[in-house]
Amino acid sequence: MPTGQQVDLNVASSYLISFDRDDSQLVSFHVVVAIRNRGNWVLRPETGILFNPGESGKFWSLGLGVSRRFGG
């Protein structure tokens, strides 16, 4: 979702299924902001939450990505 010429906001969710019967399924939600400078570099800070719907507790994650656009 573009919020301007320099910033994009992305929201994603996922459902993780383990191949091991004893492990439970997990749900995650993430928010990523893509911040472009005047050049070809893009900074991508993100945060997310991962949890098991049947249990208490949750895991927060933070990340930072950097990418470079090539071509036109």
PDB file of N, CA and C in Angstrom:
ATOM      1  N   MET A   1       0.846  -1.162   0.000  1.00  0.00           N
ATOM      2  CA  MET A   1       0.000   0.000   0.000  1.00  0.00           C
ATOM      3  C   MET A   1       0.901   1.238   0.000  1.00  0.00           C
ATOM      4  N   PRO A   2       0.978   1.943  -1.111  1.00  0.00           N
ATOM      5  CA  PRO A   2       1.811   3.143  -1.137  1.00  0.00           C
ATOM      6  C   PRO A   2       1.190   4.249  -0.289  1.00  0.00           C
ATOM      7  N   THR A   3       1.996   4.857   0.569  1.00  0.00           N
ATOM      8  CA  THR A   3       1.518   5.968   1.388  1.00  0.00           C
ATOM      9  C   THR A   3       2.100   7.288   0.917  1.00  0.00           C
ATOM     10  N   GLY A   4       2.944   7.239  -0.059  1.00  0.00           N
ATOM     11  CA  GLY A   4       3.578   8.416  -0.628  1.00  0.00           C
ATOM     12  C   GLY A   4       4.594   7.972  -1.651  1.00  0.00           C
ATOM     13  N   GLN A   5       5.330   8.907  -2.202  1.00  0.00           N
ATOM     14  CA  GLN A   5       6.329   8.550  -3.198  1.00  0.00           C
ATOM     15  C   GLN A   5       7.557   7.905  -2.565  1.00  0.00           C
ATOM     16  N   GLN A   6       7.784   8.113  -1.285  1.00  0.00           N
ATOM     17  CA  GLN A   6       8.982   7.608  -0.629  1.00  0.00           C
ATOM     18  C   GLN A   6       8.717   6.450   0.343  1.00  0.00           C
ATOM     19  N   VAL A   7       7.446   6.155   0.668  1.00  0.00           N
ATOM     20  CA  VAL A   7       7.140   5.170   1.708  1.00  0.00           C
ATOM     21  C   VAL A   7       6.031   4.226   1.246  1.00  0.00           C
ATOM     22  N   ASP A   8       6.216   2.920   1.515  1.00  0.00           N
ATOM     23  CA  ASP A   8       5.180   1.903   1.317  1.00  0.00           C
ATOM     24  C   ASP A   8       4.952   1.205   2.640  1.00  0.00           C
ATOM     25  N   LEU A   9       3.709   0.819   2.910  1.00  0.00           N
ATOM     26  CA  LEU A   9       3.357   0.086   4.108  1.00  0.00           C
ATOM     27  C   LEU A   9       2.784  -1.261   3.680  1.00  0.00           C
ATOM     28  N   ASN A  10       3.350  -2.364   4.207  1.00  0.00           N
ATOM     29  CA  ASN A  10       2.884  -3.708   3.886  1.00  0.00           C
ATOM     30  C   ASN A  10       2.484  -4.422   5.168  1.00  0.00           C
ATOM     31  N   VAL A  11       1.319  -5.068   5.132  1.00  0.00           N
ATOM     32  CA  VAL A  11       0.830  -5.852   6.258  1.00  0.00           C
ATOM     33  C   VAL A  11       0.641  -7.274   5.761  1.00  0.00           C
ATOM     34  N   ALA A  12       1.148  -8.249   6.520  1.00  0.00           N
ATOM     35  CA  ALA A  12       1.061  -9.650   6.102  1.00  0.00           C
ATOM     36  C   ALA A  12       0.704 -10.532   7.285  1.00  0.00           C
ATOM     37  N   SER A  13       0.045 -11.633   6.992  1.00  0.00           N
ATOM     38  CA  SER A  13      -0.233 -12.632   8.020  1.00  0.00           C
ATOM     39  C   SER A  13       0.100 -14.005   7.438  1.00  0.00           C
ATOM     40  N   SER A  14       0.380 -14.953   8.316  1.00  0.00           N
ATOM     41  CA  SER A  14       0.667 -16.308   7.853  1.00  0.00           C
ATOM     42  C   SER A  14       0.248 -17.317   8.909  1.00  0.00           C
ATOM     43  N   TYR A  15       0.024 -18.529   8.450  1.00  0.00           N
ATOM     44  CA  TYR A  15      -0.329 -19.653   9.305  1.00  0.00           C
ATOM     45  C   TYR A  15       0.717 -20.722   9.072  1.00  0.00           C
ATOM     46  N   LEU A  16       1.501 -21.044  10.097  1.00  0.00           N
ATOM     47  CA  LEU A  16       2.622 -21.969   9.967  1.00  0.00           C
ATOM     48  C   LEU A  16       2.213 -23.347  10.477  1.00  0.00           C
ATOM     49  N   ILE A  17       2.387 -24.359   9.639  1.00  0.00           N
ATOM     50  CA  ILE A  17       2.028 -25.725   9.980  1.00  0.00           C
ATOM     51  C   ILE A  17       3.295 -26.552  10.060  1.00  0.00           C
ATOM     52  N   SER A  18       3.492 -27.248  11.176  1.00  0.00           N
ATOM     53  CA  SER A  18       4.670 -28.094  11.369  1.00  0.00           C
ATOM     54  C   SER A  18       4.403 -29.483  10.800  1.00  0.00           C
ATOM     55  N   PHE A  19       5.432 -30.129  10.283  1.00  0.00           N
ATOM     56  CA  PHE A  19       5.314 -31.500   9.800  1.00  0.00           C
ATOM     57  C   PHE A  19       5.404 -32.505  10.959  1.00  0.00           C
ATOM     58  N   ASP A  20       5.812 -32.054  12.133  1.00  0.00           N
ATOM     59  CA  ASP A  20       5.896 -32.891  13.327  1.00  0.00           C
ATOM     60  C   ASP A  20       4.552 -32.843  14.051  1.00  0.00           C
ATOM     61  N   ARG A  21       3.966 -33.989  14.334  1.00  0.00           N
ATOM     62  CA  ARG A  21       2.644 -34.030  14.970  1.00  0.00           C
ATOM     63  C   ARG A  21       2.625 -33.369  16.344  1.00  0.00           C
ATOM     64  N   ASP A  22       3.751 -33.431  17.056  1.00  0.00           N
ATOM     65  CA  ASP A  22       3.793 -32.882  18.414  1.00  0.00           C
ATOM     66  C   ASP A  22       3.890 -31.362  18.442  1.00  0.00           C
ATOM     67  N   ASP A  23       4.352 -30.770  17.353  1.00  0.00           N
ATOM     68  CA  ASP A  23       4.434 -29.306  17.304  1.00  0.00           C
ATOM     69  C   ASP A  23       3.073 -28.729  16.945  1.00  0.00           C
ATOM     70  N   SER A  24       2.793 -27.561  17.467  1.00  0.00           N
ATOM     71  CA  SER A  24       1.516 -26.924  17.191  1.00  0.00           C
ATOM     72  C   SER A  24       1.636 -25.933  16.036  1.00  0.00           C
ATOM     73  N   GLN A  25       0.506 -25.522  15.546  1.00  0.00           N
ATOM     74  CA  GLN A  25       0.464 -24.545  14.467  1.00  0.00           C
ATOM     75  C   GLN A  25       0.605 -23.143  15.048  1.00  0.00           C
ATOM     76  N   LEU A  26       1.197 -22.256  14.271  1.00  0.00           N
ATOM     77  CA  LEU A  26       1.450 -20.896  14.723  1.00  0.00           C
ATOM     78  C   LEU A  26       0.844 -19.897  13.741  1.00  0.00           C
ATOM     79  N   VAL A  27       0.485 -18.738  14.261  1.00  0.00           N
ATOM     80  CA  VAL A  27      -0.052 -17.640  13.453  1.00  0.00           C
ATOM     81  C   VAL A  27       0.883 -16.449  13.620  1.00  0.00           C
ATOM     82  N   SER A  28       1.130 -15.727  12.524  1.00  0.00           N
ATOM     83  CA  SER A  28       1.980 -14.534  12.622  1.00  0.00           C
ATOM     84  C   SER A  28       1.353 -13.370  11.860  1.00  0.00           C
ATOM     85  N   PHE A  29       1.633 -12.187  12.347  1.00  0.00           N
ATOM     86  CA  PHE A  29       1.229 -10.939  11.703  1.00  0.00           C
ATOM     87  C   PHE A  29       2.450 -10.032  11.646  1.00  0.00           C
ATOM     88  N   HIS A  30       2.692  -9.407  10.501  1.00  0.00           N
ATOM     89  CA  HIS A  30       3.864  -8.553  10.315  1.00  0.00           C
ATOM     90  C   HIS A  30       3.479  -7.240   9.651  1.00  0.00           C
ATOM     91  N   VAL A  31       4.201  -6.198  10.023  1.00  0.00           N
ATOM     92  CA  VAL A  31       4.061  -4.885   9.398  1.00  0.00           C
ATOM     93  C   VAL A  31       5.450  -4.469   8.919  1.00  0.00           C
ATOM     94  N   VAL A  32       5.553  -4.129   7.642  1.00  0.00           N
ATOM     95  CA  VAL A  32       6.826  -3.725   7.039  1.00  0.00           C
ATOM     96  C   VAL A  32       6.643  -2.357   6.403  1.00  0.00           C
ATOM     97  N   VAL A  33       7.589  -1.475   6.647  1.00  0.00           N
ATOM     98  CA  VAL A  33       7.590  -0.153   6.022  1.00  0.00           C
ATOM     99  C   VAL A  33       8.787  -0.092   5.081  1.00  0.00           C
ATOM    100  N   ALA A  34       8.558   0.237   3.831  1.00  0.00           N
ATOM    101  CA  ALA A  34       9.644   0.405   2.859  1.00  0.00           C
ATOM    102  C   ALA A  34       9.879   1.896   2.660  1.00  0.00           C
ATOM    103  N   ILE A  35      11.079   2.349   2.980  1.00  0.00           N
ATOM    104  CA  ILE A  35      11.425   3.769   2.882  1.00  0.00           C
ATOM    105  C   ILE A  35      12.486   3.920   1.805  1.00  0.00           C
ATOM    106  N   ARG A  36      12.141   4.600   0.729  1.00  0.00           N
ATOM    107  CA  ARG A  36      13.065   4.804  -0.389  1.00  0.00           C
ATOM    108  C   ARG A  36      13.744   6.158  -0.264  1.00  0.00           C
ATOM    109  N   ASN A  37      15.023   6.183  -0.608  1.00  0.00           N
ATOM    110  CA  ASN A  37      15.704   7.479  -0.690  1.00  0.00           C
ATOM    111  C   ASN A  37      15.659   7.926  -2.153  1.00  0.00           C
ATOM    112  N   ARG A  38      16.333   8.965  -2.483  1.00  0.00           N
ATOM    113  CA  ARG A  38      16.301   9.478  -3.864  1.00  0.00           C
ATOM    114  C   ARG A  38      17.073   8.583  -4.826  1.00  0.00           C
ATOM    115  N   GLY A  39      17.908   7.721  -4.297  1.00  0.00           N
ATOM    116  CA  GLY A  39      18.659   6.782  -5.121  1.00  0.00           C
ATOM    117  C   GLY A  39      17.896   5.474  -5.283  1.00  0.00           C
ATOM    118  N   ASN A  40      18.622   4.375  -5.363  1.00  0.00           N
ATOM    119  CA  ASN A  40      18.010   3.065  -5.561  1.00  0.00           C
ATOM    120  C   ASN A  40      17.950   2.221  -4.290  1.00  0.00           C
ATOM    121  N   TRP A  41      18.315   2.782  -3.146  1.00  0.00           N
ATOM    122  CA  TRP A  41      18.327   2.033  -1.908  1.00  0.00           C
ATOM    123  C   TRP A  41      16.980   2.115  -1.198  1.00  0.00           C
ATOM    124  N   VAL A  42      16.573   0.985  -0.570  1.00  0.00           N
ATOM    125  CA  VAL A  42      15.309   0.921   0.173  1.00  0.00           C
ATOM    126  C   VAL A  42      15.609   0.343   1.554  1.00  0.00           C
ATOM    127  N   LEU A  43      15.185   1.035   2.591  1.00  0.00           N
ATOM    128  CA  LEU A  43      15.321   0.583   3.968  1.00  0.00           C
ATOM    129  C   LEU A  43      13.985  -0.026   4.386  1.00  0.00           C
ATOM    130  N   ARG A  44      14.018  -1.236   4.993  1.00  0.00           N
ATOM    131  CA  ARG A  44      12.782  -1.960   5.309  1.00  0.00           C
ATOM    132  C   ARG A  44      12.728  -2.398   6.778  1.00  0.00           C
ATOM    133  N   PRO A  45      12.370  -1.508   7.691  1.00  0.00           N
ATOM    134  CA  PRO A  45      12.162  -1.945   9.079  1.00  0.00           C
ATOM    135  C   PRO A  45      10.847  -2.724   9.185  1.00  0.00           C
ATOM    136  N   GLU A  46      10.843  -3.751  10.034  1.00  0.00           N
ATOM    137  CA  GLU A  46       9.626  -4.545  10.199  1.00  0.00           C
ATOM    138  C   GLU A  46       9.468  -4.985  11.644  1.00  0.00           C
ATOM    139  N   THR A  47       8.216  -5.227  12.023  1.00  0.00           N
ATOM    140  CA  THR A  47       7.902  -5.795  13.328  1.00  0.00           C
ATOM    141  C   THR A  47       6.803  -6.825  13.127  1.00  0.00           C
ATOM    142  N   GLY A  48       6.761  -7.795  14.012  1.00  0.00           N
ATOM    143  CA  GLY A  48       5.752  -8.833  13.887  1.00  0.00           C
ATOM    144  C   GLY A  48       5.499  -9.528  15.208  1.00  0.00           C
ATOM    145  N   ILE A  49       4.429 -10.292  15.232  1.00  0.00           N
ATOM    146  CA  ILE A  49       4.069 -11.074  16.411  1.00  0.00           C
ATOM    147  C   ILE A  49       3.739 -12.488  15.947  1.00  0.00           C
ATOM    148  N   LEU A  50       4.206 -13.472  16.718  1.00  0.00           N
ATOM    149  CA  LEU A  50       3.996 -14.888  16.413  1.00  0.00           C
ATOM    150  C   LEU A  50       3.391 -15.531  17.659  1.00  0.00           C
ATOM    151  N   PHE A  51       2.310 -16.299  17.483  1.00  0.00           N
ATOM    152  CA  PHE A  51       1.670 -16.916  18.642  1.00  0.00           C
ATOM    153  C   PHE A  51       0.940 -18.182  18.239  1.00  0.00           C
ATOM    154  N   ASN A  52       0.654 -19.000  19.228  1.00  0.00           N
ATOM    155  CA  ASN A  52      -0.145 -20.203  19.060  1.00  0.00           C
ATOM    156  C   ASN A  52      -1.545 -19.875  19.560  1.00  0.00           C
ATOM    157  N   PRO A  53      -2.572 -19.965  18.711  1.00  0.00           N
ATOM    158  CA  PRO A  53      -3.921 -19.581  19.146  1.00  0.00           C
ATOM    159  C   PRO A  53      -4.436 -20.379  20.340  1.00  0.00           C
ATOM    160  N   GLY A  54      -3.940 -21.587  20.570  1.00  0.00           N
ATOM    161  CA  GLY A  54      -4.433 -22.400  21.664  1.00  0.00           C
ATOM    162  C   GLY A  54      -3.669 -22.244  22.961  1.00  0.00           C
ATOM    163  N   GLU A  55      -2.625 -21.419  22.996  1.00  0.00           N
ATOM    164  CA  GLU A  55      -1.798 -21.287  24.190  1.00  0.00           C
ATOM    165  C   GLU A  55      -1.560 -19.815  24.518  1.00  0.00           C
ATOM    166  N   SER A  56      -1.181 -19.567  25.756  1.00  0.00           N
ATOM    167  CA  SER A  56      -0.847 -18.199  26.131  1.00  0.00           C
ATOM    168  C   SER A  56       0.597 -17.907  25.741  1.00  0.00           C
ATOM    169  N   GLY A  57       0.934 -16.650  25.677  1.00  0.00           N
ATOM    170  CA  GLY A  57       2.291 -16.260  25.312  1.00  0.00           C
ATOM    171  C   GLY A  57       2.393 -15.888  23.851  1.00  0.00           C
ATOM    172  N   LYS A  58       3.398 -15.085  23.558  1.00  0.00           N
ATOM    173  CA  LYS A  58       3.621 -14.634  22.185  1.00  0.00           C
ATOM    174  C   LYS A  58       5.090 -14.270  22.025  1.00  0.00           C
ATOM    175  N   PHE A  59       5.523 -14.174  20.802  1.00  0.00           N
ATOM    176  CA  PHE A  59       6.903 -13.831  20.484  1.00  0.00           C
ATOM    177  C   PHE A  59       6.889 -12.631  19.550  1.00  0.00           C
ATOM    178  N   TRP A  60       7.532 -11.546  19.954  1.00  0.00           N
ATOM    179  CA  TRP A  60       7.653 -10.348  19.122  1.00  0.00           C
ATOM    180  C   TRP A  60       8.961 -10.409  18.347  1.00  0.00           C
ATOM    181  N   SER A  61       8.936  -9.956  17.133  1.00  0.00           N
ATOM    182  CA  SER A  61      10.162  -9.909  16.337  1.00  0.00           C
ATOM    183  C   SER A  61      10.342  -8.517  15.743  1.00  0.00           C
ATOM    184  N   LEU A  62      11.596  -8.139  15.602  1.00  0.00           N
ATOM    185  CA  LEU A  62      11.962  -6.884  14.958  1.00  0.00           C
ATOM    186  C   LEU A  62      13.020  -7.204  13.909  1.00  0.00           C
ATOM    187  N   GLY A  63      12.978  -6.531  12.812  1.00  0.00           N
ATOM    188  CA  GLY A  63      13.971  -6.762  11.775  1.00  0.00           C
ATOM    189  C   GLY A  63      14.241  -5.503  10.982  1.00  0.00           C
ATOM    190  N   LEU A  64      15.350  -5.527  10.282  1.00  0.00           N
ATOM    191  CA  LEU A  64      15.720  -4.411   9.420  1.00  0.00           C
ATOM    192  C   LEU A  64      16.335  -4.980   8.154  1.00  0.00           C
ATOM    193  N   GLY A  65      15.751  -4.647   7.049  1.00  0.00           N
ATOM    194  CA  GLY A  65      16.267  -5.091   5.760  1.00  0.00           C
ATOM    195  C   GLY A  65      16.700  -3.901   4.927  1.00  0.00           C
ATOM    196  N   VAL A  66      17.646  -4.149   4.044  1.00  0.00           N
ATOM    197  CA  VAL A  66      18.113  -3.134   3.109  1.00  0.00           C
ATOM    198  C   VAL A  66      18.142  -3.781   1.736  1.00  0.00           C
ATOM    199  N   SER A  67      17.598  -3.105   0.748  1.00  0.00           N
ATOM    200  CA  SER A  67      17.639  -3.634  -0.617  1.00  0.00           C
ATOM    201  C   SER A  67      18.008  -2.519  -1.590  1.00  0.00           C
ATOM    202  N   ARG A  68      18.442  -2.947  -2.762  1.00  0.00           N
ATOM    203  CA  ARG A  68      18.836  -2.002  -3.806  1.00  0.00           C
ATOM    204  C   ARG A  68      18.115  -2.356  -5.084  1.00  0.00           C
ATOM    205  N   ARG A  69      17.535  -1.381  -5.718  1.00  0.00           N
ATOM    206  CA  ARG A  69      16.825  -1.586  -6.978  1.00  0.00           C
ATOM    207  C   ARG A  69      17.810  -1.486  -8.129  1.00  0.00           C
ATOM    208  N   PHE A  70      17.712  -2.439  -9.053  1.00  0.00           N
ATOM    209  CA  PHE A  70      18.554  -2.444 -10.258  1.00  0.00           C
ATOM    210  C   PHE A  70      17.689  -2.226 -11.483  1.00  0.00           C
ATOM    211  N   GLY A  71      18.234  -1.614 -12.481  1.00  0.00           N
ATOM    212  CA  GLY A  71      17.482  -1.405 -13.720  1.00  0.00           C
ATOM    213  C   GLY A  71      16.558  -0.217 -13.648  1.00  0.00           C
ATOM    214  N   GLY A  72      15.672  -0.110 -14.638  1.00  0.00           N
ATOM    215  CA  GLY A  72      14.785   1.039 -14.717  1.00  0.00           C
ATOM    216  C   GLY A  72      13.505   0.792 -14.136  1.00  0.00           C
TER     217      GLY A  72
END
